[in-house]
Amino acid sequence: MAGEAKKIVGKRVAHLRREKGLSQAQLAEAMGVAVESISRIERSERNMSIDMLEKLCDALHISVTDFFEIGVLSKAESPMEKDIAKVVALLRSKKPSEIKFAYKILKDIFMELKKLD
């Protein structure tokens, strides 16, 4: 299956970029590369070096490990599990203080909902 890895990487780059709400131009600027480089990677026309991968992850505020967690959402079986996986993926890109704050907000919301039952 020649080229399969390029296709997977290209789709992953495009998915993560869109998930962060970035255009190709914005991502390219954050990485310090040409827009055409991002476009070619997403279209599976260019290999991505390790250095480029690190720049990409820095620009998207994710770890290299997060980049390779491609199957997280596809492994979720139910709609609820997919939503949980989306929340986890979102939190992975946040600072510890932001995660604690988000947890506190969710906890408060659920406590208020419990009162309504």
Protein backbone atom coordinates (compact mmCIF):
# COMPACT_ATOMS: atom_id res chain seq x y z
CA MET A 1 0.00 0.00 0.00
CA ALA A 2 2.40 2.63 -1.21
CA GLY A 3 1.57 6.13 -0.10
CA GLU A 4 -0.89 5.03 2.60
CA ALA A 5 1.15 6.65 5.39
CA LYS A 6 1.25 9.95 3.47
CA LYS A 7 -2.53 9.85 3.10
CA ILE A 8 -3.07 9.14 6.79
CA VAL A 9 -0.66 11.90 7.84
CA GLY A 10 -2.18 14.36 5.38
CA LYS A 11 -5.70 13.67 6.63
CA ARG A 12 -4.54 13.95 10.23
CA VAL A 13 -2.87 17.32 9.61
CA ALA A 14 -6.01 18.65 7.91
CA HIS A 15 -8.27 17.30 10.69
CA LEU A 16 -6.19 18.79 13.50
CA ARG A 17 -5.83 22.12 11.68
CA ARG A 18 -9.60 22.39 11.19
CA GLU A 19 -10.25 21.25 14.76
CA LYS A 20 -8.14 24.20 15.95
CA GLY A 21 -10.03 26.55 13.61
CA LEU A 22 -6.96 27.44 11.56
CA SER A 23 -6.61 28.06 7.85
CA GLN A 24 -3.66 26.58 5.99
CA ALA A 25 -2.16 30.07 5.86
CA GLN A 26 -2.49 30.56 9.62
CA LEU A 27 -0.93 27.17 10.35
CA ALA A 28 1.90 27.80 7.88
CA GLU A 29 2.64 31.16 9.50
CA ALA A 30 2.67 29.63 12.99
CA MET A 31 5.09 26.96 11.75
CA GLY A 32 7.27 29.33 9.74
CA VAL A 33 6.75 27.44 6.48
CA ALA A 34 5.13 28.16 3.12
CA VAL A 35 1.38 27.65 2.73
CA GLU A 36 2.13 25.37 -0.22
CA SER A 37 4.00 23.03 2.15
CA ILE A 38 0.89 22.57 4.30
CA SER A 39 -1.30 22.17 1.23
CA ARG A 40 0.97 19.51 -0.27
CA ILE A 41 1.17 17.56 3.01
CA GLU A 42 -2.62 17.60 3.36
CA ARG A 43 -3.00 16.42 -0.24
CA SER A 44 -0.49 13.59 0.38
CA GLU A 45 1.94 15.06 -2.14
CA ARG A 46 4.77 15.73 0.30
CA ASN A 47 6.47 13.79 3.06
CA MET A 48 6.64 15.44 6.43
CA SER A 49 9.99 15.40 8.22
CA ILE A 50 10.38 14.90 11.96
CA ASP A 51 11.39 18.57 12.24
CA MET A 52 8.21 19.58 10.40
CA LEU A 53 6.15 17.30 12.66
CA GLU A 54 7.59 19.01 15.74
CA LYS A 55 6.84 22.46 14.29
CA LEU A 56 3.31 21.31 13.49
CA CYS A 57 2.69 19.99 16.99
CA ASP A 58 4.10 23.17 18.54
CA ALA A 59 1.88 25.32 16.31
CA LEU A 60 -1.21 23.24 17.20
CA HIS A 61 -0.27 23.07 20.91
CA ILE A 62 -0.37 19.29 20.96
CA SER A 63 2.19 16.60 21.74
CA VAL A 64 3.68 14.34 19.11
CA THR A 65 1.90 11.47 20.90
CA ASP A 66 -1.43 13.28 20.43
CA PHE A 67 -0.69 13.61 16.72
CA PHE A 68 -0.43 9.84 16.38
CA GLU A 69 -3.63 9.07 18.33
CA ILE A 70 -5.48 8.76 15.06
CA GLY A 71 -7.89 6.01 16.05
CA VAL A 72 -9.22 7.54 19.27
CA LEU A 73 -12.46 8.82 17.77
CA SER A 74 -12.96 5.96 15.34
CA LYS A 75 -12.69 3.37 18.14
CA ALA A 76 -15.54 4.95 20.08
CA GLU A 77 -18.61 2.78 19.70
CA SER A 78 -21.53 4.92 20.82
CA PRO A 79 -22.32 8.60 20.21
CA MET A 80 -21.71 9.25 23.92
CA GLU A 81 -18.24 7.63 23.73
CA LYS A 82 -17.45 9.75 20.66
CA ASP A 83 -18.42 12.89 22.59
CA ILE A 84 -16.27 11.83 25.55
CA ALA A 85 -13.34 11.20 23.20
CA LYS A 86 -13.80 14.69 21.72
CA VAL A 87 -13.71 16.25 25.19
CA VAL A 88 -10.57 14.29 26.07
CA ALA A 89 -8.91 15.31 22.79
CA LEU A 90 -9.76 18.95 23.47
CA LEU A 91 -8.40 18.82 27.02
CA ARG A 92 -5.12 17.24 25.91
CA SER A 93 -4.18 20.45 24.14
CA LYS A 94 -4.77 22.64 27.21
CA LYS A 95 -2.57 23.77 30.07
CA PRO A 96 -2.99 22.04 33.46
CA SER A 97 -4.56 25.17 34.94
CA GLU A 98 -7.13 25.27 32.11
CA ILE A 99 -7.95 21.59 32.62
CA LYS A 100 -8.54 22.14 36.35
CA PHE A 101 -10.76 25.12 35.57
CA ALA A 102 -12.76 23.13 32.99
CA TYR A 103 -13.17 20.29 35.50
CA LYS A 104 -14.46 22.70 38.16
CA ILE A 105 -16.98 24.18 35.72
CA LEU A 106 -18.21 20.73 34.63
CA LYS A 107 -18.47 19.57 38.24
CA ASP A 108 -20.51 22.68 39.14
CA ILE A 109 -22.79 22.18 36.15
CA PHE A 110 -23.45 18.55 37.05
CA MET A 111 -24.15 19.47 40.68
CA GLU A 112 -26.72 22.03 39.53
CA LEU A 113 -28.31 19.51 37.14
CA LYS A 114 -28.55 16.99 39.96
CA LYS A 115 -30.51 19.54 42.00
CA LEU A 116 -33.05 19.75 39.18
CA ASP A 117 -33.75 16.00 39.24
